[in-house]
Amino acid sequence: MPHQGEILQEAIKNSGISITRIVDELGITRPTIYRKFKEETLDYAFVKRVGDVISHDFSQDFTVTQQSVLSFVTPVAVNNITSASDRVVTSRNAAPLVTEPDLAKQLLMLQQKYIALLEAYNELLLKVYGPK
């Protein structure tokens, strides 16, 4: 089963829109998008932005488990009140979010987000101040 980065890459390839145009519209670099293709899990906001650029709805491409990680489906909390004398009982009708128990993997994911943030910051600096 392909991971989220591979699904993203395939959707972009099938859209017929060039990588250059996509990275220009997203305001990222080509290495950033190629790095995203290798990631097993992606940030929902990034996937949504790519979907907007290529006019593609990714909510149908990811499995239910992947959707809960990407927040395509938001968990819903329901309050049930049985009577005035009883306490409020809160139940969750959605599957709990998947947390990664492996600390090394969490650190790697955080590192990837940090690198992406630094790249975005550098691109912003280039836009504001121009090349050296």
N, C-alpha and C. Protein backbone atom coordinates (compact mmCIF):
# COMPACT_ATOMS: atom_id res chain seq x y z
N MET A 1 0.84 -1.18 0.00
CA MET A 1 0.00 0.00 0.00
C MET A 1 0.89 1.24 0.00
N PRO A 2 0.63 2.18 -0.90
CA PRO A 2 1.46 3.38 -0.97
C PRO A 2 1.23 4.29 0.24
N HIS A 3 2.28 4.97 0.68
CA HIS A 3 2.13 5.91 1.78
C HIS A 3 1.67 7.26 1.23
N GLN A 4 1.42 8.20 2.14
CA GLN A 4 0.81 9.47 1.75
C GLN A 4 1.64 10.26 0.74
N GLY A 5 2.95 10.25 0.90
CA GLY A 5 3.82 10.96 -0.04
C GLY A 5 3.70 10.40 -1.45
N GLU A 6 3.64 9.07 -1.54
CA GLU A 6 3.50 8.42 -2.85
C GLU A 6 2.14 8.73 -3.48
N ILE A 7 1.09 8.78 -2.64
CA ILE A 7 -0.24 9.11 -3.14
C ILE A 7 -0.25 10.54 -3.68
N LEU A 8 0.39 11.45 -2.95
CA LEU A 8 0.50 12.83 -3.39
C LEU A 8 1.24 12.92 -4.72
N GLN A 9 2.36 12.21 -4.83
CA GLN A 9 3.17 12.23 -6.05
C GLN A 9 2.36 11.70 -7.24
N GLU A 10 1.63 10.63 -7.05
CA GLU A 10 0.84 10.04 -8.13
C GLU A 10 -0.27 11.00 -8.58
N ALA A 11 -0.92 11.66 -7.61
CA ALA A 11 -1.99 12.61 -7.96
C ALA A 11 -1.43 13.78 -8.76
N ILE A 12 -0.26 14.24 -8.37
CA ILE A 12 0.37 15.36 -9.11
C ILE A 12 0.72 14.91 -10.52
N LYS A 13 1.28 13.70 -10.63
CA LYS A 13 1.65 13.18 -11.95
C LYS A 13 0.41 13.04 -12.84
N ASN A 14 -0.69 12.54 -12.28
CA ASN A 14 -1.91 12.35 -13.06
C ASN A 14 -2.60 13.67 -13.41
N SER A 15 -2.29 14.73 -12.66
CA SER A 15 -2.94 16.02 -12.93
C SER A 15 -2.44 16.66 -14.21
N GLY A 16 -1.20 16.33 -14.60
CA GLY A 16 -0.63 16.93 -15.80
C GLY A 16 -0.03 18.31 -15.56
N ILE A 17 -0.09 18.79 -14.33
CA ILE A 17 0.47 20.10 -13.99
C ILE A 17 1.93 19.91 -13.63
N SER A 18 2.78 20.78 -14.12
CA SER A 18 4.22 20.63 -13.89
C SER A 18 4.58 20.89 -12.44
N ILE A 19 5.63 20.21 -12.00
CA ILE A 19 6.15 20.41 -10.65
C ILE A 19 6.57 21.87 -10.46
N THR A 20 7.14 22.46 -11.49
CA THR A 20 7.59 23.85 -11.41
C THR A 20 6.41 24.77 -11.08
N ARG A 21 5.30 24.58 -11.77
CA ARG A 21 4.13 25.41 -11.52
C ARG A 21 3.59 25.20 -10.11
N ILE A 22 3.58 23.95 -9.67
CA ILE A 22 3.06 23.62 -8.33
C ILE A 22 3.91 24.27 -7.25
N VAL A 23 5.25 24.11 -7.35
CA VAL A 23 6.11 24.68 -6.31
C VAL A 23 6.05 26.21 -6.34
N ASP A 24 5.89 26.80 -7.51
CA ASP A 24 5.75 28.26 -7.60
C ASP A 24 4.48 28.73 -6.89
N GLU A 25 3.39 28.04 -7.12
CA GLU A 25 2.12 28.43 -6.51
C GLU A 25 2.12 28.17 -5.00
N LEU A 26 2.83 27.12 -4.56
CA LEU A 26 2.90 26.82 -3.13
C LEU A 26 3.94 27.66 -2.41
N GLY A 27 4.87 28.23 -3.17
CA GLY A 27 5.92 29.03 -2.56
C GLY A 27 6.98 28.19 -1.87
N ILE A 28 7.25 27.00 -2.43
CA ILE A 28 8.27 26.11 -1.88
C ILE A 28 9.30 25.78 -2.96
N THR A 29 10.33 25.05 -2.59
CA THR A 29 11.36 24.67 -3.56
C THR A 29 11.09 23.27 -4.08
N ARG A 30 11.71 22.95 -5.20
CA ARG A 30 11.58 21.60 -5.76
C ARG A 30 12.08 20.53 -4.79
N PRO A 31 13.23 20.74 -4.13
CA PRO A 31 13.68 19.72 -3.17
C PRO A 31 12.67 19.47 -2.05
N THR A 32 11.95 20.53 -1.66
CA THR A 32 10.95 20.36 -0.60
C THR A 32 9.84 19.42 -1.05
N ILE A 33 9.33 19.61 -2.26
CA ILE A 33 8.22 18.76 -2.70
C ILE A 33 8.70 17.32 -2.93
N TYR A 34 9.93 17.17 -3.42
CA TYR A 34 10.45 15.81 -3.60
C TYR A 34 10.66 15.13 -2.25
N ARG A 35 11.01 15.89 -1.24
CA ARG A 35 11.16 15.33 0.10
C ARG A 35 9.79 14.91 0.64
N LYS A 36 8.76 15.71 0.34
CA LYS A 36 7.40 15.38 0.76
C LYS A 36 6.94 14.06 0.13
N PHE A 37 7.37 13.79 -1.11
CA PHE A 37 7.00 12.54 -1.77
C PHE A 37 7.54 11.32 -1.01
N LYS A 38 8.61 11.49 -0.26
CA LYS A 38 9.22 10.38 0.47
C LYS A 38 8.64 10.20 1.87
N GLU A 39 7.88 11.18 2.36
CA GLU A 39 7.34 11.11 3.72
C GLU A 39 6.13 10.18 3.77
N GLU A 40 6.06 9.40 4.85
CA GLU A 40 4.93 8.48 5.03
C GLU A 40 3.67 9.21 5.46
N THR A 41 3.81 10.25 6.28
CA THR A 41 2.66 11.03 6.71
C THR A 41 2.91 12.49 6.37
N LEU A 42 1.85 13.16 5.95
CA LEU A 42 1.95 14.55 5.52
C LEU A 42 1.02 15.42 6.35
N ASP A 43 1.34 16.68 6.41
CA ASP A 43 0.53 17.66 7.10
C ASP A 43 -0.74 17.94 6.28
N TYR A 44 -1.88 18.00 6.96
CA TYR A 44 -3.15 18.20 6.28
C TYR A 44 -3.16 19.50 5.47
N ALA A 45 -2.64 20.58 6.06
CA ALA A 45 -2.66 21.87 5.38
C ALA A 45 -1.88 21.81 4.07
N PHE A 46 -0.75 21.10 4.07
CA PHE A 46 0.05 20.99 2.85
C PHE A 46 -0.71 20.20 1.79
N VAL A 47 -1.30 19.08 2.18
CA VAL A 47 -2.06 18.25 1.23
C VAL A 47 -3.23 19.04 0.67
N LYS A 48 -3.89 19.81 1.51
CA LYS A 48 -5.02 20.63 1.06
C LYS A 48 -4.57 21.67 0.05
N ARG A 49 -3.43 22.33 0.32
CA ARG A 49 -2.91 23.34 -0.61
C ARG A 49 -2.57 22.73 -1.96
N VAL A 50 -1.93 21.56 -1.94
CA VAL A 50 -1.60 20.88 -3.21
C VAL A 50 -2.89 20.52 -3.94
N GLY A 51 -3.87 20.01 -3.20
CA GLY A 51 -5.15 19.67 -3.80
C GLY A 51 -5.82 20.86 -4.46
N ASP A 52 -5.70 22.03 -3.82
CA ASP A 52 -6.28 23.24 -4.40
C ASP A 52 -5.57 23.62 -5.70
N VAL A 53 -4.24 23.45 -5.73
CA VAL A 53 -3.47 23.81 -6.92
C VAL A 53 -3.80 22.89 -8.09
N ILE A 54 -3.91 21.58 -7.82
CA ILE A 54 -4.14 20.64 -8.91
C ILE A 54 -5.61 20.26 -9.06
N SER A 55 -6.49 20.93 -8.30
CA SER A 55 -7.93 20.65 -8.33
C SER A 55 -8.23 19.18 -8.08
N HIS A 56 -7.71 18.68 -6.95
CA HIS A 56 -7.88 17.27 -6.59
C HIS A 56 -8.33 17.16 -5.14
N ASP A 57 -9.32 16.29 -4.88
CA ASP A 57 -9.81 16.05 -3.53
C ASP A 57 -9.12 14.81 -2.97
N PHE A 58 -8.20 14.99 -2.04
CA PHE A 58 -7.43 13.89 -1.49
C PHE A 58 -8.20 13.09 -0.44
N SER A 59 -9.36 13.56 -0.01
CA SER A 59 -10.10 12.84 1.03
C SER A 59 -10.53 11.45 0.56
N GLN A 60 -10.61 11.24 -0.75
CA GLN A 60 -10.98 9.93 -1.28
C GLN A 60 -9.77 9.02 -1.48
N ASP A 61 -8.57 9.59 -1.44
CA ASP A 61 -7.35 8.82 -1.72
C ASP A 61 -6.74 8.16 -0.50
N PHE A 62 -7.01 8.69 0.68
CA PHE A 62 -6.40 8.16 1.88
C PHE A 62 -7.36 7.22 2.61
N THR A 63 -6.79 6.22 3.28
CA THR A 63 -7.60 5.28 4.05
C THR A 63 -8.16 5.99 5.27
N VAL A 64 -9.08 5.34 5.98
CA VAL A 64 -9.68 5.94 7.17
C VAL A 64 -8.62 6.26 8.21
N THR A 65 -7.66 5.37 8.40
CA THR A 65 -6.59 5.61 9.36
C THR A 65 -5.76 6.81 8.94
N GLN A 66 -5.42 6.90 7.67
CA GLN A 66 -4.63 8.03 7.18
C GLN A 66 -5.43 9.32 7.29
N GLN A 67 -6.73 9.26 7.07
CA GLN A 67 -7.56 10.45 7.18
C GLN A 67 -7.58 10.97 8.61
N SER A 68 -7.62 10.07 9.60
CA SER A 68 -7.65 10.54 10.98
C SER A 68 -6.34 11.21 11.34
N VAL A 69 -5.23 10.76 10.76
CA VAL A 69 -3.94 11.41 11.00
C VAL A 69 -3.91 12.76 10.31
N LEU A 70 -4.50 12.86 9.13
CA LEU A 70 -4.49 14.10 8.37
C LEU A 70 -5.61 15.06 8.77
N SER A 71 -6.49 14.63 9.62
CA SER A 71 -7.62 15.45 10.07
C SER A 71 -8.63 15.74 8.96
N PHE A 72 -8.75 14.85 7.96
CA PHE A 72 -9.84 14.99 7.00
C PHE A 72 -11.15 14.76 7.74
N VAL A 73 -11.11 13.87 8.72
CA VAL A 73 -12.27 13.59 9.55
C VAL A 73 -11.94 14.06 10.95
N THR A 74 -12.66 15.04 11.45
CA THR A 74 -12.36 15.55 12.77
C THR A 74 -13.12 14.74 13.81
N PRO A 75 -12.46 14.40 14.94
CA PRO A 75 -13.15 13.67 16.00
C PRO A 75 -14.30 14.49 16.55
N VAL A 76 -15.40 13.82 16.88
CA VAL A 76 -16.58 14.49 17.37
C VAL A 76 -16.84 14.06 18.80
N ALA A 77 -17.04 15.02 19.69
CA ALA A 77 -17.38 14.72 21.08
C ALA A 77 -18.86 15.02 21.26
N VAL A 78 -19.57 14.10 21.91
CA VAL A 78 -21.00 14.26 22.11
C VAL A 78 -21.28 14.24 23.61
N ASN A 79 -22.05 15.18 24.07
CA ASN A 79 -22.44 15.23 25.47
C ASN A 79 -23.81 14.57 25.62
N ASN A 80 -23.92 13.62 26.54
CA ASN A 80 -25.18 12.95 26.82
C ASN A 80 -25.61 13.30 28.24
N ILE A 81 -26.79 13.88 28.41
CA ILE A 81 -27.30 14.22 29.74
C ILE A 81 -28.49 13.31 29.98
N THR A 82 -28.39 12.47 31.05
CA THR A 82 -29.46 11.52 31.31
C THR A 82 -30.58 12.12 32.13
N SER A 83 -30.25 12.91 33.13
CA SER A 83 -31.26 13.61 33.91
C SER A 83 -30.62 14.79 34.60
N ALA A 84 -31.45 15.63 35.20
CA ALA A 84 -30.92 16.83 35.83
C ALA A 84 -30.05 16.49 37.04
N SER A 85 -30.33 15.39 37.71
CA SER A 85 -29.57 15.04 38.90
C SER A 85 -28.27 14.31 38.57
N ASP A 86 -28.16 13.76 37.35
CA ASP A 86 -26.95 13.04 36.96
C ASP A 86 -25.90 14.01 36.44
N ARG A 87 -24.67 13.56 36.46
CA ARG A 87 -23.57 14.35 35.92
C ARG A 87 -23.57 14.24 34.39
N VAL A 88 -22.90 15.16 33.75
CA VAL A 88 -22.77 15.13 32.30
C VAL A 88 -21.78 14.03 31.94
N VAL A 89 -22.16 13.18 30.98
CA VAL A 89 -21.30 12.10 30.52
C VAL A 89 -20.86 12.44 29.11
N THR A 90 -19.56 12.46 28.89
CA THR A 90 -19.04 12.78 27.58
C THR A 90 -18.49 11.51 26.96
N SER A 91 -18.92 11.23 25.73
CA SER A 91 -18.40 10.05 25.04
C SER A 91 -17.81 10.50 23.71
N ARG A 92 -16.89 9.73 23.22
CA ARG A 92 -16.24 10.04 21.93
C ARG A 92 -16.74 9.05 20.90
N ASN A 93 -17.22 9.56 19.78
CA ASN A 93 -17.74 8.70 18.73
C ASN A 93 -16.74 8.46 17.61
N ALA A 94 -15.56 9.00 17.72
CA ALA A 94 -14.55 8.84 16.68
C ALA A 94 -13.38 8.03 17.22
N ALA A 95 -12.64 7.43 16.30
CA ALA A 95 -11.46 6.66 16.69
C ALA A 95 -10.42 7.62 17.27
N PRO A 96 -9.68 7.18 18.29
CA PRO A 96 -8.65 8.06 18.85
C PRO A 96 -7.55 8.32 17.84
N LEU A 97 -6.95 9.49 17.93
CA LEU A 97 -5.87 9.81 17.02
C LEU A 97 -4.69 8.89 17.27
N VAL A 98 -4.03 8.51 16.20
CA VAL A 98 -2.90 7.60 16.30
C VAL A 98 -1.68 8.40 16.75
N THR A 99 -1.07 7.97 17.85
CA THR A 99 0.15 8.63 18.30
C THR A 99 1.31 7.68 18.08
N GLU A 100 2.43 8.24 17.75
CA GLU A 100 3.61 7.44 17.43
C GLU A 100 4.40 7.17 18.70
N PRO A 101 4.47 5.88 19.13
CA PRO A 101 5.19 5.57 20.36
C PRO A 101 6.71 5.64 20.19
N ASP A 102 7.18 5.53 18.98
CA ASP A 102 8.62 5.51 18.74
C ASP A 102 9.15 6.95 18.77
N LEU A 103 9.91 7.27 19.80
CA LEU A 103 10.42 8.62 19.97
C LEU A 103 11.38 9.03 18.87
N ALA A 104 12.15 8.09 18.35
CA ALA A 104 13.07 8.41 17.26
C ALA A 104 12.31 8.85 16.03
N LYS A 105 11.20 8.20 15.74
CA LYS A 105 10.39 8.57 14.57
C LYS A 105 9.73 9.93 14.78
N GLN A 106 9.28 10.20 16.01
CA GLN A 106 8.71 11.50 16.33
C GLN A 106 9.74 12.60 16.11
N LEU A 107 10.96 12.34 16.56
CA LEU A 107 12.03 13.32 16.40
C LEU A 107 12.35 13.56 14.93
N LEU A 108 12.36 12.50 14.14
CA LEU A 108 12.61 12.64 12.70
C LEU A 108 11.52 13.46 12.03
N MET A 109 10.27 13.21 12.40
CA MET A 109 9.16 13.96 11.82
C MET A 109 9.26 15.44 12.21
N LEU A 110 9.64 15.70 13.46
CA LEU A 110 9.80 17.08 13.91
C LEU A 110 10.95 17.76 13.16
N GLN A 111 12.02 17.01 12.93
CA GLN A 111 13.16 17.55 12.19
C GLN A 111 12.75 17.92 10.77
N GLN A 112 11.95 17.07 10.12
CA GLN A 112 11.50 17.35 8.76
C GLN A 112 10.63 18.61 8.72
N LYS A 113 9.77 18.77 9.72
CA LYS A 113 8.95 19.98 9.77
C LYS A 113 9.81 21.22 9.99
N TYR A 114 10.82 21.10 10.83
CA TYR A 114 11.73 22.22 11.10
C TYR A 114 12.48 22.62 9.83
N ILE A 115 12.96 21.65 9.09
CA ILE A 115 13.68 21.93 7.85
C ILE A 115 12.76 22.63 6.85
N ALA A 116 11.53 22.14 6.74
CA ALA A 116 10.57 22.77 5.83
C ALA A 116 10.28 24.21 6.24
N LEU A 117 10.19 24.45 7.55
CA LEU A 117 9.97 25.80 8.05
C LEU A 117 11.15 26.70 7.72
N LEU A 118 12.36 26.20 7.90
CA LEU A 118 13.56 26.98 7.57
C LEU A 118 13.61 27.32 6.08
N GLU A 119 13.25 26.35 5.24
CA GLU A 119 13.24 26.61 3.80
C GLU A 119 12.22 27.68 3.44
N ALA A 120 11.05 27.60 4.05
CA ALA A 120 10.02 28.60 3.79
C ALA A 120 10.49 29.98 4.25
N TYR A 121 11.16 30.03 5.39
CA TYR A 121 11.70 31.29 5.90
C TYR A 121 12.75 31.85 4.94
N ASN A 122 13.64 31.00 4.45
CA ASN A 122 14.66 31.46 3.50
C ASN A 122 14.04 31.99 2.22
N GLU A 123 13.00 31.32 1.74
CA GLU A 123 12.32 31.80 0.53
C GLU A 123 11.67 33.15 0.78
N LEU A 124 11.10 33.33 1.95
CA LEU A 124 10.49 34.60 2.30
C LEU A 124 11.55 35.71 2.34
N LEU A 125 12.70 35.40 2.92
CA LEU A 125 13.78 36.38 2.96
C LEU A 125 14.22 36.77 1.55
N LEU A 126 14.30 35.77 0.66
CA LEU A 126 14.67 36.07 -0.73
C LEU A 126 13.64 36.96 -1.40
N LYS A 127 12.37 36.74 -1.12
CA LYS A 127 11.33 37.56 -1.73
C LYS A 127 11.38 39.00 -1.20
N VAL A 128 11.64 39.13 0.10
CA VAL A 128 11.63 40.45 0.72
C VAL A 128 12.90 41.23 0.38
N TYR A 129 14.06 40.60 0.53
CA TYR A 129 15.33 41.29 0.37
C TYR A 129 16.03 41.02 -0.94
N GLY A 130 15.59 40.03 -1.67
CA GLY A 130 16.21 39.69 -2.95
C GLY A 130 17.50 38.93 -2.77
N PRO A 131 18.03 38.40 -3.86
CA PRO A 131 19.28 37.63 -3.76
C PRO A 131 20.45 38.55 -3.41
N LYS A 132 21.51 37.95 -2.88
CA LYS A 132 22.69 38.71 -2.47
C LYS A 132 23.40 39.33 -3.64
